[in-house]
Amino acid sequence: MIDSPAITFLFLIAFFWGTAWGSFLNVVIYRLPEGLSLVNPGSRCSTCEVPIRWYDNIPCLSYLILRGRCRACGATFSPRYALIECACGIMSLVLFRAIFKTFEPDTIWINFAHWMWLQAFIYALVVIIFIDLEHFFIPDELSLPGTIIGIGGAYLLPMYSGQTALIGAAVGAGFMLAIFGLGWLIFKREALGLGDAKLMALIGAFLGWKPLAFVIFASSVQALLAVFLVRLYSKITGAEDTLTTTTEQLDAYFGEDEKYADQGHPSRTVIPYGPFLSLAALEALFFGDDFFWAFANQCAQLLYG
């Protein structure tokens, strides 16, 4: 039995382990869409190009100490970097506490593998959220290997079922592909991107098929709410709407010739759906889907008596 001070120390290790990965995820979010190496060169200020020293690159702490500025030139860094680091640290700690209920020798290595497996899922979702928000695509380098890792881990870990993971991946991808096909059949245009289907395969591989209805419902509700709030804020303050874009802007961004814009039709507003699928998947993982269905039930009772 491990004593209390040792457990506290392990909790701290779990938190800082997550923040370290969060720091790396910031690199992935910035470099992967640009086709840059994730390893070389080391981290540097994007304004003055001066390499960031190791003591200025301590997750969470360095941002607070330097007040979000570059030591060399004083340029400000986005608070997103520190937020991702801290969020990953918190999720790593919460997972650790949930999985390591005991530290018995016969289960500790299985629990460790379980912890690492779920962290891979979480960190893939975090990267997808921010890349899709900024660049409007979901990298296959994350969704496809992630699905394989999800299915493989479900077969290897005794508390999961590989068959359930396979069904989850198939149902998740199949549902989104059906919507994709209906969009072309009815409206002659994409209703969803294929990247969303691959993302749902990843989510289904880790979570199984049962939470997928919650993921679809919760992501749709939260996407609509986010669009409403962003547009309301933009209308009140005059700030730019950074969440939505138009089909013409997508064509210009990706260098396509009217792939997304409909010839002879008005411009359509589109939003990245991957971040909301990922957010709903994280909610299902950490809170379970019962809390959201209970909320939906209460809303239905208020609306329909």
C-alpha atoms as a PDB file:
ATOM      1  CA  MET A   1       0.000   0.000   0.000  1.00  0.00           C
ATOM      2  CA  ILE A   2       1.392   3.409  -0.980  1.00  0.00           C
ATOM      3  CA  ASP A   3       1.254   6.096   1.687  1.00  0.00           C
ATOM      4  CA  SER A   4      -0.447   9.471   1.225  1.00  0.00           C
ATOM      5  CA  PRO A   5       2.675  11.610   0.490  1.00  0.00           C
ATOM      6  CA  ALA A   6       3.725   9.161  -2.216  1.00  0.00           C
ATOM      7  CA  ILE A   7       0.267   9.290  -3.802  1.00  0.00           C
ATOM      8  CA  THR A   8       0.366  13.099  -3.767  1.00  0.00           C
ATOM      9  CA  PHE A   9       3.747  12.956  -5.485  1.00  0.00           C
ATOM     10  CA  LEU A  10       2.326  10.612  -8.143  1.00  0.00           C
ATOM     11  CA  PHE A  11      -0.568  13.002  -8.700  1.00  0.00           C
ATOM     12  CA  LEU A  12       1.913  15.830  -9.284  1.00  0.00           C
ATOM     13  CA  ILE A  13       3.869  13.661 -11.709  1.00  0.00           C
ATOM     14  CA  ALA A  14       0.649  12.858 -13.590  1.00  0.00           C
ATOM     15  CA  PHE A  15      -0.220  16.551 -13.846  1.00  0.00           C
ATOM     16  CA  PHE A  16       3.191  17.689 -15.067  1.00  0.00           C
ATOM     17  CA  TRP A  17       3.372  14.718 -17.435  1.00  0.00           C
ATOM     18  CA  GLY A  18       0.197  16.042 -19.044  1.00  0.00           C
ATOM     19  CA  THR A  19       1.504  19.614 -19.228  1.00  0.00           C
ATOM     20  CA  ALA A  20       4.661  18.379 -20.966  1.00  0.00           C
ATOM     21  CA  TRP A  21       2.547  16.651 -23.581  1.00  0.00           C
ATOM     22  CA  GLY A  22       0.441  19.793 -23.861  1.00  0.00           C
ATOM     23  CA  SER A  23       3.588  21.738 -24.718  1.00  0.00           C
ATOM     24  CA  PHE A  24       4.369  19.240 -27.478  1.00  0.00           C
ATOM     25  CA  LEU A  25       0.789  19.396 -28.750  1.00  0.00           C
ATOM     26  CA  ASN A  26       1.215  23.142 -29.244  1.00  0.00           C
ATOM     27  CA  VAL A  27       4.111  22.352 -31.567  1.00  0.00           C
ATOM     28  CA  VAL A  28       2.022  19.782 -33.451  1.00  0.00           C
ATOM     29  CA  ILE A  29      -0.909  22.198 -33.818  1.00  0.00           C
ATOM     30  CA  TYR A  30       1.360  24.852 -35.324  1.00  0.00           C
ATOM     31  CA  ARG A  31       3.662  22.719 -37.470  1.00  0.00           C
ATOM     32  CA  LEU A  32       1.602  19.794 -38.763  1.00  0.00           C
ATOM     33  CA  PRO A  33      -0.676  21.881 -41.028  1.00  0.00           C
ATOM     34  CA  GLU A  34       2.404  23.646 -42.425  1.00  0.00           C
ATOM     35  CA  GLY A  35       4.156  20.374 -43.231  1.00  0.00           C
ATOM     36  CA  LEU A  36       7.052  21.226 -40.900  1.00  0.00           C
ATOM     37  CA  SER A  37       9.134  18.832 -38.830  1.00  0.00           C
ATOM     38  CA  LEU A  38       7.752  18.258 -35.349  1.00  0.00           C
ATOM     39  CA  VAL A  39      11.261  17.857 -33.928  1.00  0.00           C
ATOM     40  CA  ASN A  40      13.620  20.277 -35.667  1.00  0.00           C
ATOM     41  CA  PRO A  41      14.245  23.106 -35.209  1.00  0.00           C
ATOM     42  CA  GLY A  42      13.494  23.614 -31.543  1.00  0.00           C
ATOM     43  CA  SER A  43      10.865  26.011 -30.243  1.00  0.00           C
ATOM     44  CA  ARG A  44      11.489  29.642 -31.149  1.00  0.00           C
ATOM     45  CA  CYS A  45       9.694  32.957 -31.098  1.00  0.00           C
ATOM     46  CA  SER A  46       7.694  33.409 -34.310  1.00  0.00           C
ATOM     47  CA  THR A  47       8.415  37.162 -34.242  1.00  0.00           C
ATOM     48  CA  CYS A  48      12.168  37.430 -33.631  1.00  0.00           C
ATOM     49  CA  GLU A  49      13.107  33.792 -34.432  1.00  0.00           C
ATOM     50  CA  VAL A  50      15.244  33.584 -31.269  1.00  0.00           C
ATOM     51  CA  PRO A  51      15.270  30.016 -29.861  1.00  0.00           C
ATOM     52  CA  ILE A  52      13.316  29.679 -26.617  1.00  0.00           C
ATOM     53  CA  ARG A  53      15.567  28.610 -23.749  1.00  0.00           C
ATOM     54  CA  TRP A  54      14.600  25.539 -21.748  1.00  0.00           C
ATOM     55  CA  TYR A  55      13.834  27.561 -18.626  1.00  0.00           C
ATOM     56  CA  ASP A  56      11.486  29.754 -20.669  1.00  0.00           C
ATOM     57  CA  ASN A  57       9.694  26.680 -22.000  1.00  0.00           C
ATOM     58  CA  ILE A  58       8.457  25.118 -18.762  1.00  0.00           C
ATOM     59  CA  PRO A  59       4.783  24.252 -19.324  1.00  0.00           C
ATOM     60  CA  CYS A  60       2.314  26.653 -17.659  1.00  0.00           C
ATOM     61  CA  LEU A  61       4.901  28.228 -15.356  1.00  0.00           C
ATOM     62  CA  SER A  62       7.026  30.010 -17.963  1.00  0.00           C
ATOM     63  CA  TYR A  63       3.973  31.687 -19.471  1.00  0.00           C
ATOM     64  CA  LEU A  64       2.999  33.074 -16.064  1.00  0.00           C
ATOM     65  CA  ILE A  65       6.540  34.141 -15.161  1.00  0.00           C
ATOM     66  CA  LEU A  66       7.097  35.924 -18.486  1.00  0.00           C
ATOM     67  CA  ARG A  67       3.511  37.231 -18.532  1.00  0.00           C
ATOM     68  CA  GLY A  68       2.972  35.707 -21.943  1.00  0.00           C
ATOM     69  CA  ARG A  69       5.844  37.530 -23.626  1.00  0.00           C
ATOM     70  CA  CYS A  70       9.064  36.594 -25.394  1.00  0.00           C
ATOM     71  CA  ARG A  71      12.086  37.284 -23.209  1.00  0.00           C
ATOM     72  CA  ALA A  72      14.125  38.422 -26.227  1.00  0.00           C
ATOM     73  CA  CYS A  73      11.782  40.778 -28.093  1.00  0.00           C
ATOM     74  CA  GLY A  74       8.771  41.213 -25.827  1.00  0.00           C
ATOM     75  CA  ALA A  75       6.288  39.897 -28.400  1.00  0.00           C
ATOM     76  CA  THR A  76       3.144  38.470 -26.865  1.00  0.00           C
ATOM     77  CA  PHE A  77       2.330  34.759 -27.030  1.00  0.00           C
ATOM     78  CA  SER A  78      -1.222  33.533 -27.384  1.00  0.00           C
ATOM     79  CA  PRO A  79      -2.733  32.396 -24.063  1.00  0.00           C
ATOM     80  CA  ARG A  80      -3.829  29.305 -25.976  1.00  0.00           C
ATOM     81  CA  TYR A  81      -0.407  27.762 -25.388  1.00  0.00           C
ATOM     82  CA  ALA A  82      -0.693  27.891 -21.614  1.00  0.00           C
ATOM     83  CA  LEU A  83      -4.367  26.889 -21.669  1.00  0.00           C
ATOM     84  CA  ILE A  84      -3.619  23.743 -23.676  1.00  0.00           C
ATOM     85  CA  GLU A  85      -0.741  22.835 -21.369  1.00  0.00           C
ATOM     86  CA  CYS A  86      -2.819  23.293 -18.221  1.00  0.00           C
ATOM     87  CA  ALA A  87      -5.859  21.535 -19.699  1.00  0.00           C
ATOM     88  CA  CYS A  88      -3.749  18.527 -20.683  1.00  0.00           C
ATOM     89  CA  GLY A  89      -2.241  18.454 -17.198  1.00  0.00           C
ATOM     90  CA  ILE A  90      -5.676  18.471 -15.583  1.00  0.00           C
ATOM     91  CA  MET A  91      -7.030  15.756 -17.890  1.00  0.00           C
ATOM     92  CA  SER A  92      -3.950  13.614 -17.279  1.00  0.00           C
ATOM     93  CA  LEU A  93      -4.420  13.960 -13.514  1.00  0.00           C
ATOM     94  CA  VAL A  94      -8.161  13.229 -13.621  1.00  0.00           C
ATOM     95  CA  LEU A  95      -7.537  10.118 -15.717  1.00  0.00           C
ATOM     96  CA  PHE A  96      -4.784   8.988 -13.354  1.00  0.00           C
ATOM     97  CA  ARG A  97      -7.043   9.310 -10.321  1.00  0.00           C
ATOM     98  CA  ALA A  98      -9.887   7.506 -12.076  1.00  0.00           C
ATOM     99  CA  ILE A  99      -7.767   4.598 -13.307  1.00  0.00           C
ATOM    100  CA  PHE A 100      -5.344   4.092 -10.416  1.00  0.00           C
ATOM    101  CA  LYS A 101      -7.856   3.347  -7.681  1.00  0.00           C
ATOM    102  CA  THR A 102      -5.324   0.929  -6.195  1.00  0.00           C
ATOM    103  CA  PHE A 103      -1.613   0.359  -6.703  1.00  0.00           C
ATOM    104  CA  GLU A 104      -1.547  -3.419  -6.444  1.00  0.00           C
ATOM    105  CA  PRO A 105       1.443  -5.039  -8.198  1.00  0.00           C
ATOM    106  CA  ASP A 106      -0.752  -7.332 -10.305  1.00  0.00           C
ATOM    107  CA  THR A 107      -2.749  -4.445 -11.838  1.00  0.00           C
ATOM    108  CA  ILE A 108      -0.376  -1.489 -11.891  1.00  0.00           C
ATOM    109  CA  TRP A 109       1.059  -2.161 -15.356  1.00  0.00           C
ATOM    110  CA  ILE A 110      -2.357  -2.788 -16.879  1.00  0.00           C
ATOM    111  CA  ASN A 111      -3.580   0.450 -15.324  1.00  0.00           C
ATOM    112  CA  PHE A 112      -0.536   2.270 -16.668  1.00  0.00           C
ATOM    113  CA  ALA A 113      -1.186   0.966 -20.196  1.00  0.00           C
ATOM    114  CA  HIS A 114      -4.856   1.956 -19.835  1.00  0.00           C
ATOM    115  CA  TRP A 115      -3.836   5.464 -18.759  1.00  0.00           C
ATOM    116  CA  MET A 116      -1.418   5.901 -21.658  1.00  0.00           C
ATOM    117  CA  TRP A 117      -3.931   4.548 -24.175  1.00  0.00           C
ATOM    118  CA  LEU A 118      -6.630   7.014 -23.156  1.00  0.00           C
ATOM    119  CA  GLN A 119      -4.110   9.848 -23.121  1.00  0.00           C
ATOM    120  CA  ALA A 120      -3.311   9.117 -26.771  1.00  0.00           C
ATOM    121  CA  PHE A 121      -7.031   9.504 -27.510  1.00  0.00           C
ATOM    122  CA  ILE A 122      -7.326  12.754 -25.569  1.00  0.00           C
ATOM    123  CA  TYR A 123      -4.251  14.362 -27.084  1.00  0.00           C
ATOM    124  CA  ALA A 124      -5.329  13.440 -30.623  1.00  0.00           C
ATOM    125  CA  LEU A 125      -8.678  15.139 -29.978  1.00  0.00           C
ATOM    126  CA  VAL A 126      -6.997  18.264 -28.586  1.00  0.00           C
ATOM    127  CA  VAL A 127      -4.837  18.646 -31.695  1.00  0.00           C
ATOM    128  CA  ILE A 128      -7.816  18.019 -33.984  1.00  0.00           C
ATOM    129  CA  ILE A 129      -9.881  20.668 -32.191  1.00  0.00           C
ATOM    130  CA  PHE A 130      -7.393  23.461 -32.787  1.00  0.00           C
ATOM    131  CA  ILE A 131      -6.212  22.458 -36.264  1.00  0.00           C
ATOM    132  CA  ASP A 132      -9.778  22.176 -37.536  1.00  0.00           C
ATOM    133  CA  LEU A 133     -10.758  25.470 -35.923  1.00  0.00           C
ATOM    134  CA  GLU A 134      -7.898  27.298 -37.607  1.00  0.00           C
ATOM    135  CA  HIS A 135      -7.347  25.393 -40.852  1.00  0.00           C
ATOM    136  CA  PHE A 136     -10.708  23.704 -41.548  1.00  0.00           C
ATOM    137  CA  PHE A 137      -9.378  20.186 -41.992  1.00  0.00           C
ATOM    138  CA  ILE A 138      -8.689  17.116 -39.858  1.00  0.00           C
ATOM    139  CA  PRO A 139      -5.271  15.540 -40.527  1.00  0.00           C
ATOM    140  CA  ASP A 140      -5.341  11.890 -41.579  1.00  0.00           C
ATOM    141  CA  GLU A 141      -2.041  11.569 -39.696  1.00  0.00           C
ATOM    142  CA  LEU A 142      -4.093  11.730 -36.495  1.00  0.00           C
ATOM    143  CA  SER A 143      -7.434  10.090 -37.253  1.00  0.00           C
ATOM    144  CA  LEU A 144      -6.250   7.013 -39.153  1.00  0.00           C
ATOM    145  CA  PRO A 145      -3.389   5.861 -36.868  1.00  0.00           C
ATOM    146  CA  GLY A 146      -5.537   6.872 -33.894  1.00  0.00           C
ATOM    147  CA  THR A 147      -8.294   4.505 -35.010  1.00  0.00           C
ATOM    148  CA  ILE A 148      -5.797   1.654 -35.286  1.00  0.00           C
ATOM    149  CA  ILE A 149      -4.424   2.431 -31.810  1.00  0.00           C
ATOM    150  CA  GLY A 150      -7.961   2.557 -30.434  1.00  0.00           C
ATOM    151  CA  ILE A 151      -8.921  -0.835 -31.855  1.00  0.00           C
ATOM    152  CA  GLY A 152      -5.574  -2.400 -30.949  1.00  0.00           C
ATOM    153  CA  GLY A 153      -5.737  -1.144 -27.374  1.00  0.00           C
ATOM    154  CA  ALA A 154      -9.297  -2.415 -26.992  1.00  0.00           C
ATOM    155  CA  TYR A 155      -8.133  -5.897 -27.999  1.00  0.00           C
ATOM    156  CA  LEU A 156      -5.143  -5.833 -25.639  1.00  0.00           C
ATOM    157  CA  LEU A 157      -6.656  -4.241 -22.522  1.00  0.00           C
ATOM    158  CA  PRO A 158      -8.781  -6.683 -20.489  1.00  0.00           C
ATOM    159  CA  MET A 159     -11.380  -4.066 -19.508  1.00  0.00           C
ATOM    160  CA  TYR A 160     -12.290  -3.387 -23.161  1.00  0.00           C
ATOM    161  CA  SER A 161     -13.649  -5.375 -26.083  1.00  0.00           C
ATOM    162  CA  GLY A 162     -11.945  -5.323 -29.444  1.00  0.00           C
ATOM    163  CA  GLN A 163     -15.203  -6.288 -31.125  1.00  0.00           C
ATOM    164  CA  THR A 164     -16.960  -3.316 -29.525  1.00  0.00           C
ATOM    165  CA  ALA A 165     -14.177  -1.032 -30.772  1.00  0.00           C
ATOM    166  CA  LEU A 166     -14.511  -2.371 -34.318  1.00  0.00           C
ATOM    167  CA  ILE A 167     -18.274  -1.906 -34.255  1.00  0.00           C
ATOM    168  CA  GLY A 168     -17.847   1.582 -32.788  1.00  0.00           C
ATOM    169  CA  ALA A 169     -15.415   2.620 -35.524  1.00  0.00           C
ATOM    170  CA  ALA A 170     -17.672   1.191 -38.238  1.00  0.00           C
ATOM    171  CA  VAL A 171     -20.861   2.741 -36.849  1.00  0.00           C
ATOM    172  CA  GLY A 172     -19.204   6.124 -36.285  1.00  0.00           C
ATOM    173  CA  ALA A 173     -17.707   6.324 -39.763  1.00  0.00           C
ATOM    174  CA  GLY A 174     -20.781   4.766 -41.382  1.00  0.00           C
ATOM    175  CA  PHE A 175     -23.191   7.277 -39.872  1.00  0.00           C
ATOM    176  CA  MET A 176     -21.138  10.243 -41.052  1.00  0.00           C
ATOM    177  CA  LEU A 177     -20.650   8.723 -44.512  1.00  0.00           C
ATOM    178  CA  ALA A 178     -24.417   8.293 -44.756  1.00  0.00           C
ATOM    179  CA  ILE A 179     -24.890  12.006 -44.039  1.00  0.00           C
ATOM    180  CA  PHE A 180     -22.148  12.791 -46.569  1.00  0.00           C
ATOM    181  CA  GLY A 181     -23.944  10.695 -49.196  1.00  0.00           C
ATOM    182  CA  LEU A 182     -27.351  12.195 -48.445  1.00  0.00           C
ATOM    183  CA  GLY A 183     -25.875  15.667 -48.829  1.00  0.00           C
ATOM    184  CA  TRP A 184     -24.733  14.855 -52.352  1.00  0.00           C
ATOM    185  CA  LEU A 185     -27.948  13.010 -53.179  1.00  0.00           C
ATOM    186  CA  ILE A 186     -30.358  15.696 -51.994  1.00  0.00           C
ATOM    187  CA  PHE A 187     -28.432  18.986 -52.128  1.00  0.00           C
ATOM    188  CA  LYS A 188     -25.669  18.071 -54.616  1.00  0.00           C
ATOM    189  CA  ARG A 189     -23.016  19.251 -52.151  1.00  0.00           C
ATOM    190  CA  GLU A 190     -21.102  18.162 -49.069  1.00  0.00           C
ATOM    191  CA  ALA A 191     -23.117  18.193 -45.858  1.00  0.00           C
ATOM    192  CA  LEU A 192     -20.062  17.040 -43.908  1.00  0.00           C
ATOM    193  CA  GLY A 193     -16.413  16.502 -44.742  1.00  0.00           C
ATOM    194  CA  LEU A 194     -14.851  13.061 -45.016  1.00  0.00           C
ATOM    195  CA  GLY A 195     -12.499  14.116 -42.230  1.00  0.00           C
ATOM    196  CA  ASP A 196     -15.477  14.101 -39.867  1.00  0.00           C
ATOM    197  CA  ALA A 197     -16.210  10.477 -40.815  1.00  0.00           C
ATOM    198  CA  LYS A 198     -12.616   9.473 -40.070  1.00  0.00           C
ATOM    199  CA  LEU A 199     -12.784  11.357 -36.767  1.00  0.00           C
ATOM    200  CA  MET A 200     -15.958   9.478 -35.802  1.00  0.00           C
ATOM    201  CA  ALA A 201     -14.168   6.211 -36.565  1.00  0.00           C
ATOM    202  CA  LEU A 202     -11.451   7.288 -34.131  1.00  0.00           C
ATOM    203  CA  ILE A 203     -14.020   8.220 -31.478  1.00  0.00           C
ATOM    204  CA  GLY A 204     -15.946   4.980 -31.944  1.00  0.00           C
ATOM    205  CA  ALA A 205     -12.755   2.917 -31.700  1.00  0.00           C
ATOM    206  CA  PHE A 206     -11.990   4.315 -28.243  1.00  0.00           C
ATOM    207  CA  LEU A 207     -15.490   4.820 -26.832  1.00  0.00           C
ATOM    208  CA  GLY A 208     -17.390   2.004 -28.532  1.00  0.00           C
ATOM    209  CA  TRP A 209     -20.728   2.406 -30.278  1.00  0.00           C
ATOM    210  CA  LYS A 210     -22.985   3.162 -27.287  1.00  0.00           C
ATOM    211  CA  PRO A 211     -21.877   6.798 -26.616  1.00  0.00           C
ATOM    212  CA  LEU A 212     -21.957   7.764 -30.306  1.00  0.00           C
ATOM    213  CA  ALA A 213     -25.573   8.961 -30.239  1.00  0.00           C
ATOM    214  CA  PHE A 214     -24.625  11.281 -27.394  1.00  0.00           C
ATOM    215  CA  VAL A 215     -21.557  12.505 -29.303  1.00  0.00           C
ATOM    216  CA  ILE A 216     -23.655  13.348 -32.381  1.00  0.00           C
ATOM    217  CA  PHE A 217     -26.397  15.049 -30.375  1.00  0.00           C
ATOM    218  CA  ALA A 218     -24.107  16.964 -28.008  1.00  0.00           C
ATOM    219  CA  SER A 219     -21.791  18.121 -30.796  1.00  0.00           C
ATOM    220  CA  SER A 220     -24.726  19.413 -32.851  1.00  0.00           C
ATOM    221  CA  VAL A 221     -26.225  21.327 -29.929  1.00  0.00           C
ATOM    222  CA  GLN A 222     -22.875  22.824 -28.936  1.00  0.00           C
ATOM    223  CA  ALA A 223     -22.033  23.780 -32.533  1.00  0.00           C
ATOM    224  CA  LEU A 224     -25.319  25.650 -32.921  1.00  0.00           C
ATOM    225  CA  LEU A 225     -24.845  27.341 -29.551  1.00  0.00           C
ATOM    226  CA  ALA A 226     -21.281  28.359 -30.433  1.00  0.00           C
ATOM    227  CA  VAL A 227     -22.350  29.874 -33.763  1.00  0.00           C
ATOM    228  CA  PHE A 228     -25.131  31.818 -32.044  1.00  0.00           C
ATOM    229  CA  LEU A 229     -22.836  33.167 -29.323  1.00  0.00           C
ATOM    230  CA  VAL A 230     -20.001  34.062 -31.711  1.00  0.00           C
ATOM    231  CA  ARG A 231     -22.336  35.902 -34.064  1.00  0.00           C
ATOM    232  CA  LEU A 232     -24.038  37.685 -31.177  1.00  0.00           C
ATOM    233  CA  TYR A 233     -20.654  38.759 -29.791  1.00  0.00           C
ATOM    234  CA  SER A 234     -19.538  39.859 -33.265  1.00  0.00           C
ATOM    235  CA  LYS A 235     -22.707  41.889 -33.759  1.00  0.00           C
ATOM    236  CA  ILE A 236     -22.443  43.597 -30.367  1.00  0.00           C
ATOM    237  CA  THR A 237     -18.719  44.356 -30.421  1.00  0.00           C
ATOM    238  CA  GLY A 238     -17.970  44.510 -34.139  1.00  0.00           C
ATOM    239  CA  ALA A 239     -15.289  41.839 -33.692  1.00  0.00           C
ATOM    240  CA  GLU A 240     -14.522  39.439 -36.530  1.00  0.00           C
ATOM    241  CA  ASP A 241     -16.405  36.145 -36.645  1.00  0.00           C
ATOM    242  CA  THR A 242     -13.513  33.696 -36.330  1.00  0.00           C
ATOM    243  CA  LEU A 243     -15.627  30.529 -36.119  1.00  0.00           C
ATOM    244  CA  THR A 244     -17.482  30.428 -39.432  1.00  0.00           C
ATOM    245  CA  THR A 245     -16.331  30.969 -42.992  1.00  0.00           C
ATOM    246  CA  THR A 246     -17.875  30.941 -46.468  1.00  0.00           C
ATOM    247  CA  THR A 247     -17.556  28.380 -49.225  1.00  0.00           C
ATOM    248  CA  GLU A 248     -15.723  30.933 -51.385  1.00  0.00           C
ATOM    249  CA  GLN A 249     -13.205  31.520 -48.621  1.00  0.00           C
ATOM    250  CA  LEU A 250     -12.658  27.765 -48.326  1.00  0.00           C
ATOM    251  CA  ASP A 251     -11.966  27.524 -52.054  1.00  0.00           C
ATOM    252  CA  ALA A 252      -9.480  30.403 -51.803  1.00  0.00           C
ATOM    253  CA  TYR A 253      -7.816  28.900 -48.717  1.00  0.00           C
ATOM    254  CA  PHE A 254      -7.304  25.461 -50.245  1.00  0.00           C
ATOM    255  CA  GLY A 255      -6.621  26.724 -53.769  1.00  0.00           C
ATOM    256  CA  GLU A 256      -9.649  24.910 -55.219  1.00  0.00           C
ATOM    257  CA  ASP A 257     -11.755  25.977 -58.219  1.00  0.00           C
ATOM    258  CA  GLU A 258     -15.304  26.158 -56.864  1.00  0.00           C
ATOM    259  CA  LYS A 259     -15.018  22.813 -55.070  1.00  0.00           C
ATOM    260  CA  TYR A 260     -16.938  24.091 -52.062  1.00  0.00           C
ATOM    261  CA  ALA A 261     -18.809  27.030 -53.566  1.00  0.00           C
ATOM    262  CA  ASP A 262     -21.863  26.095 -55.618  1.00  0.00           C
ATOM    263  CA  GLN A 263     -21.846  27.528 -59.119  1.00  0.00           C
ATOM    264  CA  GLY A 264     -24.764  29.887 -59.545  1.00  0.00           C
ATOM    265  CA  HIS A 265     -25.789  29.628 -55.900  1.00  0.00           C
ATOM    266  CA  PRO A 266     -25.363  32.102 -53.037  1.00  0.00           C
ATOM    267  CA  SER A 267     -22.403  31.742 -50.733  1.00  0.00           C
ATOM    268  CA  ARG A 268     -22.966  29.334 -47.845  1.00  0.00           C
ATOM    269  CA  THR A 269     -21.629  29.686 -44.336  1.00  0.00           C
ATOM    270  CA  VAL A 270     -19.754  26.654 -43.017  1.00  0.00           C
ATOM    271  CA  ILE A 271     -18.295  25.788 -39.636  1.00  0.00           C
ATOM    272  CA  PRO A 272     -15.641  23.268 -38.622  1.00  0.00           C
ATOM    273  CA  TYR A 273     -17.565  20.385 -37.052  1.00  0.00           C
ATOM    274  CA  GLY A 274     -14.553  18.370 -35.870  1.00  0.00           C
ATOM    275  CA  PRO A 275     -13.941  20.511 -32.760  1.00  0.00           C
ATOM    276  CA  PHE A 276     -17.489  19.915 -31.541  1.00  0.00           C
ATOM    277  CA  LEU A 277     -17.325  16.173 -32.195  1.00  0.00           C
ATOM    278  CA  SER A 278     -14.047  16.087 -30.280  1.00  0.00           C
ATOM    279  CA  LEU A 279     -15.439  18.155 -27.408  1.00  0.00           C
ATOM    280  CA  ALA A 280     -18.483  15.889 -27.115  1.00  0.00           C
ATOM    281  CA  ALA A 281     -16.209  12.830 -27.149  1.00  0.00           C
ATOM    282  CA  LEU A 282     -14.177  14.286 -24.271  1.00  0.00           C
ATOM    283  CA  GLU A 283     -17.400  14.956 -22.361  1.00  0.00           C
ATOM    284  CA  ALA A 284     -18.521  11.370 -22.927  1.00  0.00           C
ATOM    285  CA  LEU A 285     -15.152  10.078 -21.724  1.00  0.00           C
ATOM    286  CA  PHE A 286     -14.905  12.152 -18.557  1.00  0.00           C
ATOM    287  CA  PHE A 287     -18.539  12.572 -17.538  1.00  0.00           C
ATOM    288  CA  GLY A 288     -20.367   9.758 -19.285  1.00  0.00           C
ATOM    289  CA  ASP A 289     -23.355  10.401 -21.497  1.00  0.00           C
ATOM    290  CA  ASP A 290     -25.954  10.135 -18.719  1.00  0.00           C
ATOM    291  CA  PHE A 291     -25.540  13.741 -17.573  1.00  0.00           C
ATOM    292  CA  PHE A 292     -26.295  15.171 -21.002  1.00  0.00           C
ATOM    293  CA  TRP A 293     -29.293  12.950 -21.625  1.00  0.00           C
ATOM    294  CA  ALA A 294     -30.638  13.968 -18.220  1.00  0.00           C
ATOM    295  CA  PHE A 295     -30.229  17.616 -19.248  1.00  0.00           C
ATOM    296  CA  ALA A 296     -31.936  16.949 -22.590  1.00  0.00           C
ATOM    297  CA  ASN A 297     -34.792  15.209 -20.780  1.00  0.00           C
ATOM    298  CA  GLN A 298     -35.282  18.223 -18.518  1.00  0.00           C
ATOM    299  CA  CYS A 299     -35.314  20.554 -21.528  1.00  0.00           C
ATOM    300  CA  ALA A 300     -37.888  18.349 -23.256  1.00  0.00           C
ATOM    301  CA  GLN A 301     -40.098  18.386 -20.173  1.00  0.00           C
ATOM    302  CA  LEU A 302     -39.907  22.183 -20.014  1.00  0.00           C
ATOM    303  CA  LEU A 303     -40.764  22.525 -23.699  1.00  0.00           C
ATOM    304  CA  TYR A 304     -43.477  19.910 -23.996  1.00  0.00           C
ATOM    305  CA  GLY A 305     -44.683  19.590 -20.413  1.00  0.00           C
END
